[in-house]
């Protein structure tokens, strides 16, 4: 004897709901598998591209991407260690040719603070920051025109000896 499909048979309705849910779950699993495959392909491409770039090109890419992501007019990768008096500019977004420039870290209090704390340091307004008081006085004295208002230093460890 066959069971007739009717709206009055709650068991069949439940089976239909479960089948529908199963089809949706299968579709979602397939979507996730497709997405994972696409990401895997992207990772492979990135490995190929990154493997062919020099360190300087990688640092410039980092500075450029950071500038774009945060809408920055200036972005640099600078190497230094906690306590260093000088840092080395590995790359600058605003001047791609700039490499291996030595900079005095006492002119960059945000970098010194980030190296000391190993935490990001944001100075929202250098014109009102106590950290920049001495520098503002020096800029005024020598007539320097500074077009930057906010500064952030994002420290990262490159290896045991170097921090950027």
N, C-alpha and C. Protein backbone atom coordinates (compact mmCIF):
# COMPACT_ATOMS: atom_id res chain seq x y z
N UNK A 1 0.83 -1.16 0.00
CA UNK A 1 0.00 0.00 0.00
C UNK A 1 0.89 1.24 0.00
N UNK A 2 0.62 2.16 -0.89
CA UNK A 2 1.37 3.40 -1.01
C UNK A 2 0.78 4.46 -0.11
N UNK A 3 1.70 5.25 0.42
CA UNK A 3 1.23 6.38 1.22
C UNK A 3 0.99 7.54 0.27
N UNK A 4 -0.14 8.09 0.36
CA UNK A 4 -0.51 9.18 -0.52
C UNK A 4 0.04 10.50 0.03
N UNK A 5 0.62 11.29 -0.87
CA UNK A 5 1.17 12.59 -0.49
C UNK A 5 0.07 13.62 -0.43
N UNK A 6 -0.17 14.05 0.75
CA UNK A 6 -1.17 15.10 0.91
C UNK A 6 -0.66 16.10 1.93
N UNK A 7 -1.31 17.20 1.93
CA UNK A 7 -0.94 18.23 2.87
C UNK A 7 -1.24 17.80 4.30
N UNK A 8 -2.08 16.78 4.43
CA UNK A 8 -2.46 16.35 5.76
C UNK A 8 -1.48 15.34 6.35
N UNK A 9 -0.47 14.91 5.57
CA UNK A 9 0.49 13.94 6.08
C UNK A 9 1.71 14.69 6.62
N UNK A 10 1.81 14.90 7.93
CA UNK A 10 2.90 15.68 8.51
C UNK A 10 4.27 15.03 8.32
N UNK A 11 4.32 13.73 8.25
CA UNK A 11 5.61 13.06 8.06
C UNK A 11 6.20 13.38 6.69
N UNK A 12 5.36 13.37 5.67
CA UNK A 12 5.83 13.70 4.33
C UNK A 12 6.24 15.17 4.23
N UNK A 13 5.51 16.02 4.88
CA UNK A 13 5.88 17.43 4.89
C UNK A 13 7.25 17.63 5.54
N UNK A 14 7.47 16.91 6.63
CA UNK A 14 8.76 17.00 7.32
C UNK A 14 9.89 16.47 6.43
N UNK A 15 9.63 15.39 5.72
CA UNK A 15 10.63 14.83 4.80
C UNK A 15 10.95 15.84 3.70
N UNK A 16 9.95 16.49 3.16
CA UNK A 16 10.16 17.51 2.12
C UNK A 16 11.01 18.67 2.66
N UNK A 17 10.72 19.09 3.88
CA UNK A 17 11.49 20.17 4.50
C UNK A 17 12.95 19.74 4.68
N UNK A 18 13.14 18.52 5.11
CA UNK A 18 14.50 18.02 5.31
C UNK A 18 15.25 17.91 3.98
N UNK A 19 14.56 17.45 2.94
CA UNK A 19 15.20 17.36 1.61
C UNK A 19 15.59 18.75 1.11
N UNK A 20 14.71 19.72 1.31
CA UNK A 20 15.00 21.09 0.90
C UNK A 20 16.21 21.63 1.68
N UNK A 21 16.23 21.39 2.97
CA UNK A 21 17.35 21.84 3.79
C UNK A 21 18.64 21.15 3.36
N UNK A 22 18.56 19.87 3.02
CA UNK A 22 19.73 19.13 2.57
C UNK A 22 20.25 19.70 1.25
N UNK A 23 19.36 20.01 0.32
CA UNK A 23 19.78 20.60 -0.96
C UNK A 23 20.47 21.96 -0.73
N UNK A 24 19.91 22.75 0.18
CA UNK A 24 20.52 24.05 0.49
C UNK A 24 21.91 23.85 1.11
N UNK A 25 22.01 22.89 2.01
CA UNK A 25 23.30 22.62 2.66
C UNK A 25 24.32 22.13 1.63
N UNK A 26 23.89 21.27 0.72
CA UNK A 26 24.80 20.78 -0.33
C UNK A 26 25.26 21.93 -1.22
N UNK A 27 24.35 22.83 -1.56
CA UNK A 27 24.71 23.98 -2.38
C UNK A 27 25.71 24.88 -1.64
N UNK A 28 25.51 25.07 -0.35
CA UNK A 28 26.43 25.89 0.44
C UNK A 28 27.80 25.23 0.53
N UNK A 29 27.83 23.92 0.72
CA UNK A 29 29.11 23.19 0.76
C UNK A 29 29.83 23.35 -0.58
N UNK A 30 29.11 23.23 -1.67
CA UNK A 30 29.72 23.39 -2.99
C UNK A 30 30.25 24.80 -3.18
N UNK A 31 29.48 25.79 -2.73
CA UNK A 31 29.93 27.18 -2.83
C UNK A 31 31.22 27.38 -2.04
N UNK A 32 31.27 26.82 -0.84
CA UNK A 32 32.47 26.95 -0.01
C UNK A 32 33.66 26.22 -0.63
N UNK A 33 33.42 25.07 -1.23
CA UNK A 33 34.50 24.35 -1.91
C UNK A 33 35.03 25.16 -3.09
N UNK A 34 34.12 25.75 -3.85
CA UNK A 34 34.52 26.59 -4.99
C UNK A 34 35.32 27.80 -4.51
N UNK A 35 34.86 28.41 -3.43
CA UNK A 35 35.55 29.57 -2.88
C UNK A 35 36.95 29.17 -2.38
N UNK A 36 37.04 28.03 -1.72
CA UNK A 36 38.34 27.55 -1.24
C UNK A 36 39.29 27.29 -2.40
N UNK A 37 38.77 26.73 -3.48
CA UNK A 37 39.60 26.47 -4.65
C UNK A 37 40.10 27.78 -5.26
N UNK A 38 39.22 28.77 -5.32
CA UNK A 38 39.61 30.08 -5.86
C UNK A 38 40.67 30.72 -4.98
N UNK A 39 40.49 30.63 -3.68
CA UNK A 39 41.49 31.20 -2.76
C UNK A 39 42.82 30.46 -2.88
N UNK A 40 42.74 29.16 -3.03
CA UNK A 40 43.97 28.37 -3.21
C UNK A 40 44.72 28.81 -4.45
N UNK A 41 43.98 29.05 -5.53
CA UNK A 41 44.60 29.52 -6.77
C UNK A 41 45.23 30.90 -6.56
N UNK A 42 44.54 31.76 -5.82
CA UNK A 42 45.06 33.09 -5.54
C UNK A 42 46.34 33.00 -4.71
N UNK A 43 46.34 32.13 -3.73
CA UNK A 43 47.55 31.94 -2.90
C UNK A 43 48.71 31.46 -3.77
N UNK A 44 48.43 30.54 -4.68
CA UNK A 44 49.48 30.06 -5.58
C UNK A 44 50.04 31.20 -6.43
N UNK A 45 49.16 32.05 -6.93
CA UNK A 45 49.60 33.19 -7.73
C UNK A 45 50.45 34.13 -6.88
N UNK A 46 49.99 34.41 -5.66
CA UNK A 46 50.75 35.29 -4.78
C UNK A 46 52.13 34.72 -4.47
N UNK A 47 52.20 33.42 -4.25
CA UNK A 47 53.51 32.80 -4.00
C UNK A 47 54.42 32.96 -5.21
N UNK A 48 53.86 32.78 -6.40
CA UNK A 48 54.66 32.95 -7.61
C UNK A 48 55.15 34.39 -7.75
N UNK A 49 54.24 35.34 -7.53
CA UNK A 49 54.59 36.75 -7.67
C UNK A 49 55.59 37.17 -6.60
N UNK A 50 55.29 36.81 -5.36
CA UNK A 50 56.15 37.24 -4.26
C UNK A 50 57.54 36.61 -4.38
N UNK A 51 57.59 35.41 -4.88
CA UNK A 51 58.88 34.75 -5.04
C UNK A 51 59.77 35.44 -6.05
N UNK A 52 59.18 36.20 -6.96
CA UNK A 52 59.97 36.84 -8.00
C UNK A 52 60.30 38.30 -7.66
N UNK A 53 59.83 38.79 -6.52
CA UNK A 53 60.09 40.18 -6.14
C UNK A 53 61.31 40.28 -5.23
N UNK A 54 62.04 41.36 -5.39
CA UNK A 54 63.16 41.62 -4.48
C UNK A 54 62.61 42.13 -3.15
N UNK A 55 63.45 42.15 -2.14
CA UNK A 55 63.02 42.68 -0.84
C UNK A 55 62.58 44.14 -0.98
N UNK A 56 63.32 44.91 -1.74
CA UNK A 56 62.95 46.32 -1.94
C UNK A 56 61.58 46.46 -2.57
N UNK A 57 61.30 45.62 -3.56
CA UNK A 57 59.99 45.66 -4.21
C UNK A 57 58.88 45.24 -3.24
N UNK A 58 59.17 44.26 -2.40
CA UNK A 58 58.19 43.84 -1.40
C UNK A 58 57.90 44.96 -0.41
N UNK A 59 58.95 45.65 0.04
CA UNK A 59 58.76 46.74 1.00
C UNK A 59 58.00 47.89 0.35
N UNK A 60 58.30 48.16 -0.91
CA UNK A 60 57.57 49.23 -1.59
C UNK A 60 56.10 48.84 -1.76
N UNK A 61 55.85 47.58 -2.08
CA UNK A 61 54.46 47.12 -2.20
C UNK A 61 53.74 47.27 -0.86
N UNK A 62 54.42 46.94 0.21
CA UNK A 62 53.83 47.08 1.54
C UNK A 62 53.50 48.55 1.83
N UNK A 63 54.43 49.44 1.57
CA UNK A 63 54.20 50.87 1.80
C UNK A 63 53.05 51.39 0.93
N UNK A 64 53.03 50.98 -0.33
CA UNK A 64 51.99 51.43 -1.26
C UNK A 64 50.61 50.91 -0.84
N UNK A 65 50.54 49.63 -0.48
CA UNK A 65 49.26 49.05 -0.08
C UNK A 65 48.75 49.67 1.22
N UNK A 66 49.66 49.92 2.14
CA UNK A 66 49.27 50.55 3.39
C UNK A 66 48.73 51.96 3.12
N UNK A 67 49.41 52.69 2.25
CA UNK A 67 48.96 54.04 1.91
C UNK A 67 47.57 54.01 1.28
N UNK A 68 47.34 53.07 0.39
CA UNK A 68 46.02 52.96 -0.24
C UNK A 68 44.95 52.56 0.77
N UNK A 69 45.26 51.55 1.58
CA UNK A 69 44.27 51.03 2.52
C UNK A 69 43.85 52.07 3.55
N UNK A 70 44.81 52.88 3.99
CA UNK A 70 44.52 53.87 5.03
C UNK A 70 44.38 55.29 4.49
N UNK A 71 44.41 55.43 3.17
CA UNK A 71 44.29 56.73 2.52
C UNK A 71 45.34 57.71 3.05
N UNK A 72 46.61 57.29 2.94
CA UNK A 72 47.72 58.08 3.47
C UNK A 72 48.45 58.80 2.34
N UNK A 73 48.93 59.99 2.64
CA UNK A 73 49.74 60.71 1.65
C UNK A 73 51.19 60.25 1.71
N UNK A 74 51.63 59.78 2.87
CA UNK A 74 52.99 59.29 3.06
C UNK A 74 52.93 57.94 3.76
N UNK A 75 53.79 57.03 3.33
CA UNK A 75 53.88 55.72 3.97
C UNK A 75 55.28 55.19 3.70
N UNK A 76 55.96 54.81 4.76
CA UNK A 76 57.33 54.33 4.63
C UNK A 76 57.54 53.07 5.44
N UNK A 77 58.48 52.26 5.00
CA UNK A 77 58.95 51.12 5.78
C UNK A 77 60.33 51.52 6.27
N UNK A 78 60.47 51.58 7.58
CA UNK A 78 61.72 52.02 8.20
C UNK A 78 62.19 50.93 9.16
N UNK A 79 63.45 50.55 9.03
CA UNK A 79 64.00 49.53 9.93
C UNK A 79 64.80 50.18 11.04
N UNK A 80 64.53 49.72 12.24
CA UNK A 80 65.27 50.18 13.42
C UNK A 80 64.96 49.22 14.56
N UNK A 81 65.76 49.32 15.58
CA UNK A 81 65.53 48.54 16.79
C UNK A 81 65.30 49.50 17.95
N UNK A 82 64.67 48.99 18.97
CA UNK A 82 64.45 49.77 20.18
C UNK A 82 65.80 50.31 20.66
N UNK A 83 65.84 51.61 20.91
CA UNK A 83 67.05 52.24 21.41
C UNK A 83 67.98 52.78 20.32
N UNK A 84 67.72 52.42 19.06
CA UNK A 84 68.55 52.95 17.96
C UNK A 84 68.37 54.46 17.84
N UNK A 85 69.43 55.14 17.44
CA UNK A 85 69.33 56.57 17.16
C UNK A 85 69.02 56.83 15.70
N UNK A 86 69.36 55.86 14.85
CA UNK A 86 69.13 55.99 13.41
C UNK A 86 68.27 54.82 12.93
N UNK A 87 67.47 55.11 11.91
CA UNK A 87 66.69 54.08 11.24
C UNK A 87 67.01 54.12 9.76
N UNK A 88 66.66 53.06 9.06
CA UNK A 88 66.92 52.99 7.63
C UNK A 88 65.60 52.87 6.88
N UNK A 89 65.36 53.81 5.98
CA UNK A 89 64.15 53.77 5.15
C UNK A 89 64.37 52.70 4.08
N UNK A 90 63.56 51.65 4.14
CA UNK A 90 63.65 50.59 3.14
C UNK A 90 62.84 50.96 1.90
N UNK A 91 61.76 51.70 2.10
CA UNK A 91 60.92 52.12 0.99
C UNK A 91 59.98 53.22 1.46
N UNK A 92 59.61 54.08 0.52
CA UNK A 92 58.65 55.14 0.81
C UNK A 92 57.64 55.20 -0.33
N UNK A 93 56.39 55.16 0.02
CA UNK A 93 55.31 55.19 -0.98
C UNK A 93 55.41 56.44 -1.85
N UNK A 94 55.69 57.57 -1.24
CA UNK A 94 55.69 58.83 -1.98
C UNK A 94 56.92 59.01 -2.86
N UNK A 95 57.96 58.19 -2.65
CA UNK A 95 59.18 58.26 -3.47
C UNK A 95 59.73 56.85 -3.66
N UNK A 96 59.26 56.14 -4.68
CA UNK A 96 59.66 54.74 -4.88
C UNK A 96 61.17 54.53 -5.03
N UNK A 97 61.89 55.56 -5.41
CA UNK A 97 63.34 55.42 -5.60
C UNK A 97 64.10 55.53 -4.28
N UNK A 98 63.42 55.98 -3.25
CA UNK A 98 64.07 56.19 -1.96
C UNK A 98 64.33 54.85 -1.27
N UNK A 99 65.59 54.54 -1.06
CA UNK A 99 65.98 53.31 -0.37
C UNK A 99 67.24 53.58 0.43
N UNK A 100 67.35 52.89 1.55
CA UNK A 100 68.54 52.94 2.39
C UNK A 100 68.90 54.33 2.88
N UNK A 101 67.91 55.18 3.04
CA UNK A 101 68.12 56.51 3.59
C UNK A 101 68.18 56.40 5.11
N UNK A 102 69.21 56.96 5.70
CA UNK A 102 69.34 56.98 7.15
C UNK A 102 68.55 58.16 7.70
N UNK A 103 67.73 57.90 8.72
CA UNK A 103 66.95 58.97 9.35
C UNK A 103 67.21 58.97 10.85
N UNK A 104 67.19 60.16 11.42
CA UNK A 104 67.37 60.31 12.86
C UNK A 104 66.03 60.04 13.54
N UNK A 105 65.99 59.03 14.37
CA UNK A 105 64.72 58.62 14.97
C UNK A 105 64.18 59.63 15.97
N UNK A 106 65.04 60.50 16.51
CA UNK A 106 64.50 61.50 17.44
C UNK A 106 63.61 62.52 16.73
N UNK A 107 63.63 62.51 15.41
CA UNK A 107 62.72 63.36 14.63
C UNK A 107 61.40 62.65 14.34
N UNK A 108 61.29 61.42 14.82
CA UNK A 108 60.09 60.61 14.60
C UNK A 108 59.68 59.98 15.93
N UNK A 109 59.10 60.77 16.83
CA UNK A 109 58.76 60.24 18.16
C UNK A 109 57.77 59.07 18.11
N UNK A 110 56.94 59.03 17.09
CA UNK A 110 55.99 57.92 16.98
C UNK A 110 56.72 56.60 16.71
N UNK A 111 57.81 56.66 15.94
CA UNK A 111 58.58 55.45 15.67
C UNK A 111 59.29 54.99 16.93
N UNK A 112 59.90 55.94 17.63
CA UNK A 112 60.57 55.58 18.89
C UNK A 112 59.59 54.95 19.87
N UNK A 113 58.40 55.53 19.98
CA UNK A 113 57.39 55.00 20.91
C UNK A 113 56.90 53.62 20.47
N UNK A 114 56.71 53.43 19.17
CA UNK A 114 56.25 52.14 18.66
C UNK A 114 57.31 51.06 18.87
N UNK A 115 58.57 51.41 18.66
CA UNK A 115 59.64 50.44 18.89
C UNK A 115 59.75 50.08 20.37
N UNK A 116 59.60 51.08 21.23
CA UNK A 116 59.71 50.84 22.67
C UNK A 116 58.55 49.98 23.19
N UNK A 117 57.35 50.25 22.70
CA UNK A 117 56.17 49.53 23.20
C UNK A 117 55.83 48.29 22.40
N UNK A 118 56.40 48.19 21.20
CA UNK A 118 56.05 47.12 20.25
C UNK A 118 54.56 47.10 19.97
N UNK A 119 53.96 48.29 20.00
CA UNK A 119 52.53 48.48 19.73
C UNK A 119 52.37 49.62 18.74
N UNK A 120 51.27 49.62 17.98
CA UNK A 120 51.01 50.76 17.10
C UNK A 120 50.88 52.05 17.92
N UNK A 121 51.37 53.13 17.35
CA UNK A 121 51.28 54.43 18.00
C UNK A 121 50.64 55.41 17.02
N UNK A 122 49.56 56.03 17.46
CA UNK A 122 48.85 57.02 16.65
C UNK A 122 49.00 58.38 17.30
N UNK A 123 49.41 59.34 16.50
CA UNK A 123 49.42 60.73 16.94
C UNK A 123 48.44 61.44 16.02
N UNK A 124 47.21 61.68 16.50
CA UNK A 124 46.17 62.23 15.63
C UNK A 124 46.45 63.65 15.14
N UNK A 125 47.19 64.43 15.92
CA UNK A 125 47.45 65.81 15.51
C UNK A 125 48.83 66.22 16.04
N UNK A 126 49.82 66.21 15.14
CA UNK A 126 51.18 66.54 15.57
C UNK A 126 51.30 68.00 16.02
N UNK A 127 50.35 68.83 15.61
CA UNK A 127 50.40 70.25 15.96
C UNK A 127 49.95 70.50 17.40
N UNK A 128 49.37 69.48 18.03
CA UNK A 128 48.94 69.62 19.42
C UNK A 128 49.51 68.52 20.32
N UNK A 129 50.37 67.69 19.79
CA UNK A 129 50.93 66.58 20.55
C UNK A 129 52.17 67.02 21.31
N UNK A 130 52.22 66.64 22.58
CA UNK A 130 53.40 66.94 23.40
C UNK A 130 54.65 66.27 22.83
N UNK A 131 54.48 65.11 22.20
CA UNK A 131 55.62 64.38 21.63
C UNK A 131 56.31 65.18 20.52
N UNK A 132 55.59 66.09 19.91
CA UNK A 132 56.13 66.88 18.80
C UNK A 132 56.47 68.32 19.17
N UNK A 133 56.38 68.67 20.44
CA UNK A 133 56.60 70.05 20.86
C UNK A 133 57.97 70.57 20.41
N UNK A 134 59.03 69.85 20.71
CA UNK A 134 60.39 70.28 20.36
C UNK A 134 60.55 70.35 18.84
N UNK A 135 59.99 69.39 18.14
CA UNK A 135 60.09 69.40 16.67
C UNK A 135 59.33 70.57 16.07
N UNK A 136 58.14 70.87 16.61
CA UNK A 136 57.38 72.03 16.11
C UNK A 136 58.19 73.31 16.27
N UNK A 137 58.84 73.45 17.42
CA UNK A 137 59.67 74.64 17.65
C UNK A 137 60.82 74.71 16.65
N UNK A 138 61.44 73.58 16.38
CA UNK A 138 62.54 73.54 15.40
C UNK A 138 62.03 73.87 14.00
N UNK A 139 60.86 73.35 13.64
CA UNK A 139 60.29 73.63 12.32
C UNK A 139 59.99 75.12 12.17
N UNK A 140 59.46 75.70 13.23
CA UNK A 140 59.14 77.12 13.19
C UNK A 140 60.42 77.95 13.06
N UNK A 141 61.44 77.55 13.79
CA UNK A 141 62.71 78.28 13.79
C UNK A 141 63.38 78.24 12.41
N UNK A 142 63.39 77.05 11.78
CA UNK A 142 64.07 76.96 10.48
C UNK A 142 63.14 77.14 9.28
N UNK A 143 61.87 77.45 9.53
CA UNK A 143 60.94 77.74 8.45
C UNK A 143 60.46 76.52 7.69
N UNK A 144 60.55 75.35 8.28
CA UNK A 144 60.10 74.13 7.61
C UNK A 144 58.59 74.14 7.43
N UNK A 145 58.16 73.67 6.28
CA UNK A 145 56.73 73.54 6.00
C UNK A 145 56.39 72.06 6.09
N UNK A 146 55.56 71.73 7.03
CA UNK A 146 55.17 70.34 7.27
C UNK A 146 53.70 70.19 6.90
N UNK A 147 53.42 69.29 5.97
CA UNK A 147 52.05 69.14 5.48
C UNK A 147 51.32 67.96 6.12
N UNK A 148 51.97 67.30 7.05
CA UNK A 148 51.37 66.14 7.70
C UNK A 148 50.70 66.57 8.99
N UNK A 149 49.56 65.96 9.27
CA UNK A 149 48.86 66.28 10.53
C UNK A 149 48.84 65.08 11.46
N UNK A 150 48.43 63.93 10.94
CA UNK A 150 48.32 62.72 11.75
C UNK A 150 49.41 61.74 11.34
N UNK A 151 49.87 60.98 12.34
CA UNK A 151 50.94 60.01 12.08
C UNK A 151 50.63 58.73 12.84
N UNK A 152 50.91 57.62 12.19
CA UNK A 152 50.78 56.33 12.86
C UNK A 152 52.04 55.52 12.56
N UNK A 153 52.52 54.83 13.57
CA UNK A 153 53.65 53.92 13.40
C UNK A 153 53.14 52.53 13.75
N UNK A 154 53.32 51.60 12.82
CA UNK A 154 52.87 50.22 13.00
C UNK A 154 54.10 49.31 13.02
N UNK A 155 54.57 48.95 14.19
CA UNK A 155 55.79 48.13 14.23
C UNK A 155 55.52 46.69 13.81
N UNK A 156 56.50 46.09 13.18
CA UNK A 156 56.43 44.66 12.85
C UNK A 156 57.83 44.10 12.95
N UNK A 157 57.90 42.85 13.31
CA UNK A 157 59.20 42.20 13.47
C UNK A 157 59.52 41.46 12.18
N UNK A 158 60.65 41.80 11.59
CA UNK A 158 61.09 41.14 10.37
C UNK A 158 61.84 39.86 10.71
N UNK A 159 62.72 39.95 11.68
CA UNK A 159 63.44 38.79 12.19
C UNK A 159 63.87 39.13 13.61
N UNK A 160 64.72 38.34 14.20
CA UNK A 160 65.10 38.58 15.59
C UNK A 160 65.89 39.87 15.76
N UNK A 161 66.55 40.32 14.69
CA UNK A 161 67.40 41.50 14.80
C UNK A 161 66.76 42.78 14.30
N UNK A 162 65.75 42.67 13.44
CA UNK A 162 65.23 43.89 12.82
C UNK A 162 63.74 44.04 13.05
N UNK A 163 63.35 45.28 13.26
CA UNK A 163 61.95 45.64 13.39
C UNK A 163 61.67 46.72 12.38
N UNK A 164 60.49 46.71 11.80
CA UNK A 164 60.11 47.74 10.83
C UNK A 164 58.99 48.57 11.37
